[in-house]
Amino acid sequence: MAEARPAPRKRPSAKPARRRPAAAQAGPKRARKTLGDDFAAALRADFRAHGAGVIAAVRAEKPEQYLKVVLTMLPKEFSQGVASENSLDGLSDEEIRSRIRGLEASVRPFLDADQDLSGPD
């Protein structure tokens, strides 16, 4: 008796689609979120390791950059409120001088502390 042979397999006419990586399957929105999450995690780790020292160095060496960073960290409402409160329109010269003296008095302890940290000249 003759053995039965299995029927030959048919090859599909089109190539099967390749599997895309998980990030690509999720779509570009998910890929951006993942990249953003990874960047935020790396930034957090770097800040934990070096943050305080870098902040102190920037404050000492580039105070204008330090102030820019501080302003970006403040809530938007705060900076808008400060701008309206600090408007000099409508103030007399004496009122402006009084505000300047008040600011100098507020800042002086910080300036004195910086001089103490720098040591004798």
PDB file of N, CA and C in Angstrom:
ATOM      1  N   MET A   1       0.811  -1.179   0.000  1.00  0.00           N
ATOM      2  CA  MET A   1       0.000   0.000   0.000  1.00  0.00           C
ATOM      3  C   MET A   1       0.860   1.250   0.000  1.00  0.00           C
ATOM      4  N   ALA A   2       0.413   2.213  -0.670  1.00  0.00           N
ATOM      5  CA  ALA A   2       1.194   3.446  -0.789  1.00  0.00           C
ATOM      6  C   ALA A   2       0.913   4.353   0.395  1.00  0.00           C
ATOM      7  N   GLU A   3       1.969   5.005   0.869  1.00  0.00           N
ATOM      8  CA  GLU A   3       1.807   5.939   2.004  1.00  0.00           C
ATOM      9  C   GLU A   3       1.175   7.225   1.523  1.00  0.00           C
ATOM     10  N   ALA A   4       0.336   7.767   2.365  1.00  0.00           N
ATOM     11  CA  ALA A   4      -0.303   9.045   2.030  1.00  0.00           C
ATOM     12  C   ALA A   4       0.672  10.171   2.315  1.00  0.00           C
ATOM     13  N   ARG A   5       0.811  11.004   1.382  1.00  0.00           N
ATOM     14  CA  ARG A   5       1.708  12.146   1.556  1.00  0.00           C
ATOM     15  C   ARG A   5       0.903  13.371   1.992  1.00  0.00           C
ATOM     16  N   PRO A   6       1.496  14.156   2.912  1.00  0.00           N
ATOM     17  CA  PRO A   6       0.777  15.377   3.272  1.00  0.00           C
ATOM     18  C   PRO A   6       0.776  16.352   2.111  1.00  0.00           C
ATOM     19  N   ALA A   7      -0.264  17.096   2.026  1.00  0.00           N
ATOM     20  CA  ALA A   7      -0.379  18.087   0.948  1.00  0.00           C
ATOM     21  C   ALA A   7       0.685  19.161   1.145  1.00  0.00           C
ATOM     22  N   PRO A   8       1.290  19.612   0.075  1.00  0.00           N
ATOM     23  CA  PRO A   8       2.307  20.647   0.216  1.00  0.00           C
ATOM     24  C   PRO A   8       1.689  21.940   0.777  1.00  0.00           C
ATOM     25  N   ARG A   9       2.468  22.612   1.621  1.00  0.00           N
ATOM     26  CA  ARG A   9       2.001  23.874   2.211  1.00  0.00           C
ATOM     27  C   ARG A   9       2.023  24.964   1.158  1.00  0.00           C
ATOM     28  N   LYS A  10       1.025  25.799   1.227  1.00  0.00           N
ATOM     29  CA  LYS A  10       0.989  26.921   0.312  1.00  0.00           C
ATOM     30  C   LYS A  10       1.713  28.090   0.957  1.00  0.00           C
ATOM     31  N   ARG A  11       2.511  28.776   0.215  1.00  0.00           N
ATOM     32  CA  ARG A  11       3.192  29.966   0.709  1.00  0.00           C
ATOM     33  C   ARG A  11       2.265  31.164   0.515  1.00  0.00           C
ATOM     34  N   PRO A  12       2.184  31.980   1.513  1.00  0.00           N
ATOM     35  CA  PRO A  12       1.342  33.161   1.326  1.00  0.00           C
ATOM     36  C   PRO A  12       1.949  34.070   0.267  1.00  0.00           C
ATOM     37  N   SER A  13       1.098  34.754  -0.454  1.00  0.00           N
ATOM     38  CA  SER A  13       1.582  35.597  -1.539  1.00  0.00           C
ATOM     39  C   SER A  13       2.262  36.861  -1.017  1.00  0.00           C
ATOM     40  N   ALA A  14       1.840  37.354   0.106  1.00  0.00           N
ATOM     41  CA  ALA A  14       2.449  38.555   0.682  1.00  0.00           C
ATOM     42  C   ALA A  14       3.264  38.160   1.899  1.00  0.00           C
ATOM     43  N   LYS A  15       4.314  38.930   2.139  1.00  0.00           N
ATOM     44  CA  LYS A  15       5.137  38.656   3.311  1.00  0.00           C
ATOM     45  C   LYS A  15       4.357  39.005   4.566  1.00  0.00           C
ATOM     46  N   PRO A  16       4.541  38.229   5.627  1.00  0.00           N
ATOM     47  CA  PRO A  16       3.844  38.576   6.867  1.00  0.00           C
ATOM     48  C   PRO A  16       4.421  39.877   7.431  1.00  0.00           C
ATOM     49  N   ALA A  17       3.577  40.649   8.056  1.00  0.00           N
ATOM     50  CA  ALA A  17       4.013  41.925   8.638  1.00  0.00           C
ATOM     51  C   ALA A  17       4.961  41.662   9.793  1.00  0.00           C
ATOM     52  N   ARG A  18       6.009  42.466   9.855  1.00  0.00           N
ATOM     53  CA  ARG A  18       6.942  42.336  10.981  1.00  0.00           C
ATOM     54  C   ARG A  18       6.319  42.967  12.208  1.00  0.00           C
ATOM     55  N   ARG A  19       6.711  42.436  13.337  1.00  0.00           N
ATOM     56  CA  ARG A  19       6.230  43.017  14.593  1.00  0.00           C
ATOM     57  C   ARG A  19       7.014  44.285  14.867  1.00  0.00           C
ATOM     58  N   ARG A  20       6.296  45.337  15.207  1.00  0.00           N
ATOM     59  CA  ARG A  20       6.957  46.597  15.533  1.00  0.00           C
ATOM     60  C   ARG A  20       7.379  46.580  16.996  1.00  0.00           C
ATOM     61  N   PRO A  21       8.421  47.357  17.354  1.00  0.00           N
ATOM     62  CA  PRO A  21       8.804  47.453  18.762  1.00  0.00           C
ATOM     63  C   PRO A  21       7.639  47.984  19.597  1.00  0.00           C
ATOM     64  N   ALA A  22       7.678  47.682  20.871  1.00  0.00           N
ATOM     65  CA  ALA A  22       6.564  48.053  21.754  1.00  0.00           C
ATOM     66  C   ALA A  22       6.279  49.549  21.718  1.00  0.00           C
ATOM     67  N   ALA A  23       7.331  50.388  21.721  1.00  0.00           N
ATOM     68  CA  ALA A  23       7.122  51.836  21.708  1.00  0.00           C
ATOM     69  C   ALA A  23       6.424  52.260  20.426  1.00  0.00           C
ATOM     70  N   ALA A  24       6.783  51.639  19.301  1.00  0.00           N
ATOM     71  CA  ALA A  24       6.158  51.998  18.034  1.00  0.00           C
ATOM     72  C   ALA A  24       4.721  51.506  17.978  1.00  0.00           C
ATOM     73  N   GLN A  25       4.431  50.358  18.585  1.00  0.00           N
ATOM     74  CA  GLN A  25       3.066  49.849  18.598  1.00  0.00           C
ATOM     75  C   GLN A  25       2.159  50.782  19.383  1.00  0.00           C
ATOM     76  N   ALA A  26       2.699  51.400  20.402  1.00  0.00           N
ATOM     77  CA  ALA A  26       1.892  52.287  21.239  1.00  0.00           C
ATOM     78  C   ALA A  26       1.606  53.603  20.538  1.00  0.00           C
ATOM     79  N   GLY A  27       2.385  53.944  19.535  1.00  0.00           N
ATOM     80  CA  GLY A  27       2.169  55.165  18.787  1.00  0.00           C
ATOM     81  C   GLY A  27       3.111  56.267  19.237  1.00  0.00           C
ATOM     82  N   PRO A  28       3.194  57.324  18.442  1.00  0.00           N
ATOM     83  CA  PRO A  28       4.145  58.390  18.741  1.00  0.00           C
ATOM     84  C   PRO A  28       3.850  59.114  20.051  1.00  0.00           C
ATOM     85  N   LYS A  29       2.580  59.214  20.416  1.00  0.00           N
ATOM     86  CA  LYS A  29       2.245  59.896  21.664  1.00  0.00           C
ATOM     87  C   LYS A  29       2.841  59.152  22.856  1.00  0.00           C
ATOM     88  N   ARG A  30       2.722  57.845  22.868  1.00  0.00           N
ATOM     89  CA  ARG A  30       3.287  57.039  23.953  1.00  0.00           C
ATOM     90  C   ARG A  30       4.806  57.094  23.937  1.00  0.00           C
ATOM     91  N   ALA A  31       5.396  57.091  22.743  1.00  0.00           N
ATOM     92  CA  ALA A  31       6.852  57.151  22.642  1.00  0.00           C
ATOM     93  C   ALA A  31       7.365  58.464  23.231  1.00  0.00           C
ATOM     94  N   ARG A  32       6.683  59.580  22.944  1.00  0.00           N
ATOM     95  CA  ARG A  32       7.093  60.874  23.508  1.00  0.00           C
ATOM     96  C   ARG A  32       6.957  60.864  25.012  1.00  0.00           C
ATOM     97  N   LYS A  33       5.870  60.278  25.522  1.00  0.00           N
ATOM     98  CA  LYS A  33       5.676  60.233  26.966  1.00  0.00           C
ATOM     99  C   LYS A  33       6.769  59.404  27.617  1.00  0.00           C
ATOM    100  N   THR A  34       7.108  58.281  27.005  1.00  0.00           N
ATOM    101  CA  THR A  34       8.165  57.430  27.544  1.00  0.00           C
ATOM    102  C   THR A  34       9.493  58.166  27.540  1.00  0.00           C
ATOM    103  N   LEU A  35       9.795  58.853  26.439  1.00  0.00           N
ATOM    104  CA  LEU A  35      11.035  59.617  26.355  1.00  0.00           C
ATOM    105  C   LEU A  35      11.040  60.719  27.418  1.00  0.00           C
ATOM    106  N   GLY A  36       9.924  61.406  27.566  1.00  0.00           N
ATOM    107  CA  GLY A  36       9.816  62.454  28.583  1.00  0.00           C
ATOM    108  C   GLY A  36       9.981  61.893  29.987  1.00  0.00           C
ATOM    109  N   ASP A  37       9.373  60.746  30.239  1.00  0.00           N
ATOM    110  CA  ASP A  37       9.500  60.101  31.552  1.00  0.00           C
ATOM    111  C   ASP A  37      10.942  59.696  31.825  1.00  0.00           C
ATOM    112  N   ASP A  38      11.599  59.146  30.798  1.00  0.00           N
ATOM    113  CA  ASP A  38      13.002  58.737  30.955  1.00  0.00           C
ATOM    114  C   ASP A  38      13.884  59.954  31.230  1.00  0.00           C
ATOM    115  N   PHE A  39      13.640  61.035  30.486  1.00  0.00           N
ATOM    116  CA  PHE A  39      14.432  62.251  30.677  1.00  0.00           C
ATOM    117  C   PHE A  39      14.213  62.813  32.081  1.00  0.00           C
ATOM    118  N   ALA A  40      12.963  62.857  32.522  1.00  0.00           N
ATOM    119  CA  ALA A  40      12.662  63.378  33.859  1.00  0.00           C
ATOM    120  C   ALA A  40      13.328  62.523  34.937  1.00  0.00           C
ATOM    121  N   ALA A  41      13.330  61.215  34.756  1.00  0.00           N
ATOM    122  CA  ALA A  41      13.970  60.325  35.732  1.00  0.00           C
ATOM    123  C   ALA A  41      15.476  60.564  35.772  1.00  0.00           C
ATOM    124  N   ALA A  42      16.100  60.725  34.601  1.00  0.00           N
ATOM    125  CA  ALA A  42      17.545  60.981  34.551  1.00  0.00           C
ATOM    126  C   ALA A  42      17.869  62.339  35.171  1.00  0.00           C
ATOM    127  N   LEU A  43      17.030  63.325  34.899  1.00  0.00           N
ATOM    128  CA  LEU A  43      17.232  64.661  35.468  1.00  0.00           C
ATOM    129  C   LEU A  43      17.099  64.629  36.985  1.00  0.00           C
ATOM    130  N   ARG A  44      16.104  63.895  37.480  1.00  0.00           N
ATOM    131  CA  ARG A  44      15.940  63.755  38.941  1.00  0.00           C
ATOM    132  C   ARG A  44      17.166  63.110  39.570  1.00  0.00           C
ATOM    133  N   ALA A  45      17.661  62.044  38.957  1.00  0.00           N
ATOM    134  CA  ALA A  45      18.841  61.349  39.494  1.00  0.00           C
ATOM    135  C   ALA A  45      20.057  62.272  39.491  1.00  0.00           C
ATOM    136  N   ASP A  46      20.246  63.020  38.408  1.00  0.00           N
ATOM    137  CA  ASP A  46      21.379  63.937  38.325  1.00  0.00           C
ATOM    138  C   ASP A  46      21.242  65.052  39.360  1.00  0.00           C
ATOM    139  N   PHE A  47      20.022  65.556  39.525  1.00  0.00           N
ATOM    140  CA  PHE A  47      19.808  66.627  40.499  1.00  0.00           C
ATOM    141  C   PHE A  47      20.078  66.119  41.920  1.00  0.00           C
ATOM    142  N   ARG A  48      19.619  64.908  42.217  1.00  0.00           N
ATOM    143  CA  ARG A  48      19.871  64.357  43.559  1.00  0.00           C
ATOM    144  C   ARG A  48      21.358  64.231  43.842  1.00  0.00           C
ATOM    145  N   ALA A  49      22.133  63.906  42.809  1.00  0.00           N
ATOM    146  CA  ALA A  49      23.568  63.721  42.990  1.00  0.00           C
ATOM    147  C   ALA A  49      24.341  65.041  43.017  1.00  0.00           C
ATOM    148  N   HIS A  50      23.929  66.020  42.205  1.00  0.00           N
ATOM    149  CA  HIS A  50      24.750  67.218  42.037  1.00  0.00           C
ATOM    150  C   HIS A  50      23.999  68.531  42.213  1.00  0.00           C
ATOM    151  N   GLY A  51      22.691  68.489  42.403  1.00  0.00           N
ATOM    152  CA  GLY A  51      21.853  69.676  42.362  1.00  0.00           C
ATOM    153  C   GLY A  51      22.251  70.813  43.268  1.00  0.00           C
ATOM    154  N   ALA A  52      22.420  70.555  44.549  1.00  0.00           N
ATOM    155  CA  ALA A  52      22.703  71.633  45.492  1.00  0.00           C
ATOM    156  C   ALA A  52      24.017  72.323  45.165  1.00  0.00           C
ATOM    157  N   GLY A  53      25.030  71.563  44.797  1.00  0.00           N
ATOM    158  CA  GLY A  53      26.320  72.154  44.453  1.00  0.00           C
ATOM    159  C   GLY A  53      26.249  73.001  43.199  1.00  0.00           C
ATOM    160  N   VAL A  54      25.520  72.519  42.200  1.00  0.00           N
ATOM    161  CA  VAL A  54      25.383  73.272  40.951  1.00  0.00           C
ATOM    162  C   VAL A  54      24.595  74.553  41.196  1.00  0.00           C
ATOM    163  N   ILE A  55      23.540  74.465  41.978  1.00  0.00           N
ATOM    164  CA  ILE A  55      22.751  75.664  42.277  1.00  0.00           C
ATOM    165  C   ILE A  55      23.623  76.707  42.961  1.00  0.00           C
ATOM    166  N   ALA A  56      24.408  76.295  43.930  1.00  0.00           N
ATOM    167  CA  ALA A  56      25.288  77.238  44.632  1.00  0.00           C
ATOM    168  C   ALA A  56      26.315  77.844  43.679  1.00  0.00           C
ATOM    169  N   ALA A  57      26.870  77.034  42.791  1.00  0.00           N
ATOM    170  CA  ALA A  57      27.864  77.542  41.839  1.00  0.00           C
ATOM    171  C   ALA A  57      27.231  78.542  40.873  1.00  0.00           C
ATOM    172  N   VAL A  58      26.049  78.231  40.369  1.00  0.00           N
ATOM    173  CA  VAL A  58      25.376  79.152  39.448  1.00  0.00           C
ATOM    174  C   VAL A  58      25.014  80.445  40.168  1.00  0.00           C
ATOM    175  N   ARG A  59      24.545  80.338  41.392  1.00  0.00           N
ATOM    176  CA  ARG A  59      24.198  81.539  42.164  1.00  0.00           C
ATOM    177  C   ARG A  59      25.417  82.434  42.330  1.00  0.00           C
ATOM    178  N   ALA A  60      26.571  81.837  42.604  1.00  0.00           N
ATOM    179  CA  ALA A  60      27.787  82.617  42.833  1.00  0.00           C
ATOM    180  C   ALA A  60      28.398  83.143  41.540  1.00  0.00           C
ATOM    181  N   GLU A  61      28.409  82.313  40.492  1.00  0.00           N
ATOM    182  CA  GLU A  61      29.119  82.670  39.272  1.00  0.00           C
ATOM    183  C   GLU A  61      28.253  83.356  38.223  1.00  0.00           C
ATOM    184  N   LYS A  62      26.961  83.042  38.202  1.00  0.00           N
ATOM    185  CA  LYS A  62      26.058  83.606  37.189  1.00  0.00           C
ATOM    186  C   LYS A  62      24.726  83.973  37.841  1.00  0.00           C
ATOM    187  N   PRO A  63      24.706  85.000  38.672  1.00  0.00           N
ATOM    188  CA  PRO A  63      23.484  85.328  39.401  1.00  0.00           C
ATOM    189  C   PRO A  63      22.295  85.650  38.496  1.00  0.00           C
ATOM    190  N   GLU A  64      22.549  86.198  37.301  1.00  0.00           N
ATOM    191  CA  GLU A  64      21.426  86.505  36.402  1.00  0.00           C
ATOM    192  C   GLU A  64      20.757  85.223  35.923  1.00  0.00           C
ATOM    193  N   GLN A  65      21.542  84.164  35.667  1.00  0.00           N
ATOM    194  CA  GLN A  65      20.970  82.879  35.279  1.00  0.00           C
ATOM    195  C   GLN A  65      20.221  82.245  36.451  1.00  0.00           C
ATOM    196  N   TYR A  66      20.780  82.391  37.634  1.00  0.00           N
ATOM    197  CA  TYR A  66      20.136  81.872  38.842  1.00  0.00           C
ATOM    198  C   TYR A  66      18.756  82.506  39.012  1.00  0.00           C
ATOM    199  N   LEU A  67      18.681  83.825  38.843  1.00  0.00           N
ATOM    200  CA  LEU A  67      17.391  84.507  38.992  1.00  0.00           C
ATOM    201  C   LEU A  67      16.401  84.079  37.913  1.00  0.00           C
ATOM    202  N   LYS A  68      16.887  83.831  36.698  1.00  0.00           N
ATOM    203  CA  LYS A  68      15.992  83.347  35.638  1.00  0.00           C
ATOM    204  C   LYS A  68      15.378  82.006  36.030  1.00  0.00           C
ATOM    205  N   VAL A  69      16.207  81.129  36.586  1.00  0.00           N
ATOM    206  CA  VAL A  69      15.707  79.816  37.000  1.00  0.00           C
ATOM    207  C   VAL A  69      14.686  79.980  38.125  1.00  0.00           C
ATOM    208  N   VAL A  70      15.000  80.843  39.087  1.00  0.00           N
ATOM    209  CA  VAL A  70      14.063  81.074  40.193  1.00  0.00           C
ATOM    210  C   VAL A  70      12.731  81.566  39.646  1.00  0.00           C
ATOM    211  N   LEU A  71      12.766  82.497  38.707  1.00  0.00           N
ATOM    212  CA  LEU A  71      11.527  83.029  38.141  1.00  0.00           C
ATOM    213  C   LEU A  71      10.730  81.971  37.392  1.00  0.00           C
ATOM    214  N   THR A  72      11.420  81.036  36.735  1.00  0.00           N
ATOM    215  CA  THR A  72      10.691  79.980  36.031  1.00  0.00           C
ATOM    216  C   THR A  72      10.021  79.015  37.003  1.00  0.00           C
ATOM    217  N   MET A  73      10.540  78.934  38.216  1.00  0.00           N
ATOM    218  CA  MET A  73       9.992  78.008  39.200  1.00  0.00           C
ATOM    219  C   MET A  73       8.793  78.596  39.951  1.00  0.00           C
ATOM    220  N   LEU A  74       8.635  79.916  39.890  1.00  0.00           N
ATOM    221  CA  LEU A  74       7.528  80.554  40.598  1.00  0.00           C
ATOM    222  C   LEU A  74       6.232  80.337  39.833  1.00  0.00           C
ATOM    223  N   PRO A  75       5.117  80.247  40.542  1.00  0.00           N
ATOM    224  CA  PRO A  75       3.833  80.143  39.843  1.00  0.00           C
ATOM    225  C   PRO A  75       3.596  81.395  39.008  1.00  0.00           C
ATOM    226  N   LYS A  76       2.931  81.228  37.878  1.00  0.00           N
ATOM    227  CA  LYS A  76       2.682  82.342  36.962  1.00  0.00           C
ATOM    228  C   LYS A  76       1.947  83.482  37.667  1.00  0.00           C
ATOM    229  N   GLU A  77       0.995  83.128  38.498  1.00  0.00           N
ATOM    230  CA  GLU A  77       0.213  84.150  39.204  1.00  0.00           C
ATOM    231  C   GLU A  77       1.112  85.000  40.100  1.00  0.00           C
ATOM    232  N   PHE A  78       2.144  84.378  40.692  1.00  0.00           N
ATOM    233  CA  PHE A  78       3.035  85.104  41.582  1.00  0.00           C
ATOM    234  C   PHE A  78       3.799  86.178  40.820  1.00  0.00           C
ATOM    235  N   SER A  79       4.383  85.793  39.670  1.00  0.00           N
ATOM    236  CA  SER A  79       5.179  86.763  38.920  1.00  0.00           C
ATOM    237  C   SER A  79       4.300  87.873  38.364  1.00  0.00           C
ATOM    238  N   GLN A  80       3.061  87.568  37.992  1.00  0.00           N
ATOM    239  CA  GLN A  80       2.150  88.616  37.522  1.00  0.00           C
ATOM    240  C   GLN A  80       1.793  89.547  38.671  1.00  0.00           C
ATOM    241  N   GLY A  81       1.578  88.987  39.869  1.00  0.00           N
ATOM    242  CA  GLY A  81       1.258  89.804  41.030  1.00  0.00           C
ATOM    243  C   GLY A  81       2.411  90.701  41.416  1.00  0.00           C
ATOM    244  N   VAL A  82       3.635  90.188  41.333  1.00  0.00           N
ATOM    245  CA  VAL A  82       4.812  90.978  41.660  1.00  0.00           C
ATOM    246  C   VAL A  82       4.957  92.118  40.676  1.00  0.00           C
ATOM    247  N   ALA A  83       4.722  91.842  39.401  1.00  0.00           N
ATOM    248  CA  ALA A  83       4.862  92.893  38.390  1.00  0.00           C
ATOM    249  C   ALA A  83       3.872  94.023  38.640  1.00  0.00           C
ATOM    250  N   SER A  84       2.632  93.678  38.989  1.00  0.00           N
ATOM    251  CA  SER A  84       1.649  94.733  39.218  1.00  0.00           C
ATOM    252  C   SER A  84       1.924  95.477  40.522  1.00  0.00           C
ATOM    253  N   GLU A  85       2.409  94.758  41.553  1.00  0.00           N
ATOM    254  CA  GLU A  85       2.722  95.414  42.813  1.00  0.00           C
ATOM    255  C   GLU A  85       3.946  96.305  42.702  1.00  0.00           C
ATOM    256  N   ASN A  86       4.873  95.952  41.834  1.00  0.00           N
ATOM    257  CA  ASN A  86       6.114  96.705  41.708  1.00  0.00           C
ATOM    258  C   ASN A  86       6.060  97.766  40.627  1.00  0.00           C
ATOM    259  N   SER A  87       4.897  98.015  40.081  1.00  0.00           N
ATOM    260  CA  SER A  87       4.774  99.063  39.088  1.00  0.00           C
ATOM    261  C   SER A  87       5.096 100.399  39.740  1.00  0.00           C
ATOM    262  N   LEU A  88       5.973 101.149  39.108  1.00  0.00           N
ATOM    263  CA  LEU A  88       6.390 102.436  39.670  1.00  0.00           C
ATOM    264  C   LEU A  88       5.543 103.590  39.141  1.00  0.00           C
ATOM    265  N   ASP A  89       4.651 103.269  38.217  1.00  0.00           N
ATOM    266  CA  ASP A  89       3.780 104.319  37.686  1.00  0.00           C
ATOM    267  C   ASP A  89       2.907 104.878  38.804  1.00  0.00           C
ATOM    268  N   GLY A  90       2.856 106.153  38.876  1.00  0.00           N
ATOM    269  CA  GLY A  90       1.993 106.796  39.858  1.00  0.00           C
ATOM    270  C   GLY A  90       2.634 106.976  41.220  1.00  0.00           C
ATOM    271  N   LEU A  91       3.882 106.530  41.415  1.00  0.00           N
ATOM    272  CA  LEU A  91       4.551 106.715  42.697  1.00  0.00           C
ATOM    273  C   LEU A  91       5.412 107.969  42.643  1.00  0.00           C
ATOM    274  N   SER A  92       5.489 108.641  43.774  1.00  0.00           N
ATOM    275  CA  SER A  92       6.368 109.805  43.850  1.00  0.00           C
ATOM    276  C   SER A  92       7.816 109.335  43.961  1.00  0.00           C
ATOM    277  N   ASP A  93       8.748 110.249  43.740  1.00  0.00           N
ATOM    278  CA  ASP A  93      10.168 109.918  43.871  1.00  0.00           C
ATOM    279  C   ASP A  93      10.483 109.416  45.276  1.00  0.00           C
ATOM    280  N   GLU A  94       9.876 110.017  46.270  1.00  0.00           N
ATOM    281  CA  GLU A  94      10.138 109.608  47.655  1.00  0.00           C
ATOM    282  C   GLU A  94       9.611 108.193  47.909  1.00  0.00           C
ATOM    283  N   GLU A  95       8.458 107.846  47.341  1.00  0.00           N
ATOM    284  CA  GLU A  95       7.927 106.488  47.507  1.00  0.00           C
ATOM    285  C   GLU A  95       8.843 105.463  46.826  1.00  0.00           C
ATOM    286  N   ILE A  96       9.384 105.823  45.679  1.00  0.00           N
ATOM    287  CA  ILE A  96      10.317 104.933  44.986  1.00  0.00           C
ATOM    288  C   ILE A  96      11.580 104.754  45.819  1.00  0.00           C
ATOM    289  N   ARG A  97      12.127 105.866  46.359  1.00  0.00           N
ATOM    290  CA  ARG A  97      13.316 105.783  47.213  1.00  0.00           C
ATOM    291  C   ARG A  97      13.049 104.902  48.434  1.00  0.00           C
ATOM    292  N   SER A  98      11.868 105.036  49.006  1.00  0.00           N
ATOM    293  CA  SER A  98      11.511 104.234  50.171  1.00  0.00           C
ATOM    294  C   SER A  98      11.496 102.744  49.825  1.00  0.00           C
ATOM    295  N   ARG A  99      10.966 102.399  48.665  1.00  0.00           N
ATOM    296  CA  ARG A  99      10.947 100.992  48.234  1.00  0.00           C
ATOM    297  C   ARG A  99      12.369 100.475  48.015  1.00  0.00           C
ATOM    298  N   ILE A 100      13.205 101.307  47.429  1.00  0.00           N
ATOM    299  CA  ILE A 100      14.601 100.901  47.198  1.00  0.00           C
ATOM    300  C   ILE A 100      15.292 100.636  48.527  1.00  0.00           C
ATOM    301  N   ARG A 101      15.092 101.511  49.508  1.00  0.00           N
ATOM    302  CA  ARG A 101      15.708 101.302  50.825  1.00  0.00           C
ATOM    303  C   ARG A 101      15.201 100.011  51.458  1.00  0.00           C
ATOM    304  N   GLY A 102      13.913  99.737  51.298  1.00  0.00           N
ATOM    305  CA  GLY A 102      13.358  98.491  51.830  1.00  0.00           C
ATOM    306  C   GLY A 102      13.961  97.259  51.165  1.00  0.00           C
ATOM    307  N   LEU A 103      14.133  97.318  49.842  1.00  0.00           N
ATOM    308  CA  LEU A 103      14.761  96.201  49.128  1.00  0.00           C
ATOM    309  C   LEU A 103      16.209  96.019  49.559  1.00  0.00           C
ATOM    310  N   GLU A 104      16.930  97.115  49.710  1.00  0.00           N
ATOM    311  CA  GLU A 104      18.322  97.017  50.164  1.00  0.00           C
ATOM    312  C   GLU A 104      18.399  96.352  51.536  1.00  0.00           C
ATOM    313  N   ALA A 105      17.488  96.729  52.426  1.00  0.00           N
ATOM    314  CA  ALA A 105      17.485  96.138  53.768  1.00  0.00           C
ATOM    315  C   ALA A 105      17.163  94.638  53.693  1.00  0.00           C
ATOM    316  N   SER A 106      16.276  94.254  52.778  1.00  0.00           N
ATOM    317  CA  SER A 106      15.909  92.837  52.636  1.00  0.00           C
ATOM    318  C   SER A 106      17.052  92.008  52.062  1.00  0.00           C
ATOM    319  N   VAL A 107      17.820  92.585  51.157  1.00  0.00           N
ATOM    320  CA  VAL A 107      18.874  91.856  50.465  1.00  0.00           C
ATOM    321  C   VAL A 107      20.183  91.850  51.255  1.00  0.00           C
ATOM    322  N   ARG A 108      20.408  92.843  52.078  1.00  0.00           N
ATOM    323  CA  ARG A 108      21.675  92.990  52.797  1.00  0.00           C
ATOM    324  C   ARG A 108      22.104  91.725  53.549  1.00  0.00           C
ATOM    325  N   PRO A 109      21.221  91.030  54.282  1.00  0.00           N
ATOM    326  CA  PRO A 109      21.666  89.814  54.989  1.00  0.00           C
ATOM    327  C   PRO A 109      22.225  88.747  54.037  1.00  0.00           C
ATOM    328  N   PHE A 110      21.666  88.656  52.842  1.00  0.00           N
ATOM    329  CA  PHE A 110      22.166  87.677  51.876  1.00  0.00           C
ATOM    330  C   PHE A 110      23.537  88.087  51.360  1.00  0.00           C
ATOM    331  N   LEU A 111      23.720  89.373  51.133  1.00  0.00           N
ATOM    332  CA  LEU A 111      25.022  89.855  50.669  1.00  0.00           C
ATOM    333  C   LEU A 111      26.073  89.664  51.749  1.00  0.00           C
ATOM    334  N   ASP A 112      25.705  89.943  52.998  1.00  0.00           N
ATOM    335  CA  ASP A 112      26.632  89.754  54.113  1.00  0.00           C
ATOM    336  C   ASP A 112      27.002  88.281  54.258  1.00  0.00           C
ATOM    337  N   ALA A 113      26.033  87.386  54.069  1.00  0.00           N
ATOM    338  CA  ALA A 113      26.288  85.946  54.174  1.00  0.00           C
ATOM    339  C   ALA A 113      27.249  85.500  53.082  1.00  0.00           C
ATOM    340  N   ASP A 114      27.119  86.029  51.873  1.00  0.00           N
ATOM    341  CA  ASP A 114      28.034  85.682  50.781  1.00  0.00           C
ATOM    342  C   ASP A 114      29.450  86.133  51.107  1.00  0.00           C
ATOM    343  N   GLN A 115      29.591  87.291  51.709  1.00  0.00           N
ATOM    344  CA  GLN A 115      30.915  87.783  52.062  1.00  0.00           C
ATOM    345  C   GLN A 115      31.539  86.909  53.163  1.00  0.00           C
ATOM    346  N   ASP A 116      30.726  86.434  54.101  1.00  0.00           N
ATOM    347  CA  ASP A 116      31.227  85.565  55.157  1.00  0.00           C
ATOM    348  C   ASP A 116      31.722  84.236  54.575  1.00  0.00           C
ATOM    349  N   LEU A 117      31.025  83.710  53.564  1.00  0.00           N
ATOM    350  CA  LEU A 117      31.388  82.435  52.962  1.00  0.00           C
ATOM    351  C   LEU A 117      32.648  82.532  52.123  1.00  0.00           C
ATOM    352  N   SER A 118      32.899  83.710  51.541  1.00  0.00           N
ATOM    353  CA  SER A 118      34.068  83.845  50.683  1.00  0.00           C
ATOM    354  C   SER A 118      35.361  83.951  51.461  1.00  0.00           C
ATOM    355  N   GLY A 119      35.286  84.199  52.745  1.00  0.00           N
ATOM    356  CA  GLY A 119      36.484  84.257  53.568  1.00  0.00           C
ATOM    357  C   GLY A 119      37.130  85.621  53.534  1.00  0.00           C
ATOM    358  N   PRO A 120      38.255  85.771  54.203  1.00  0.00           N
ATOM    359  CA  PRO A 120      38.929  87.066  54.230  1.00  0.00           C
ATOM    360  C   PRO A 120      39.509  87.394  52.848  1.00  0.00           C
ATOM    361  N   ASP A 121      39.491  88.685  52.522  1.00  0.00           N
ATOM    362  CA  ASP A 121      40.031  89.124  51.215  1.00  0.00           C
ATOM    363  C   ASP A 121      41.507  89.332  51.250  1.00  0.00           C
TER     364      ASP A 121
END
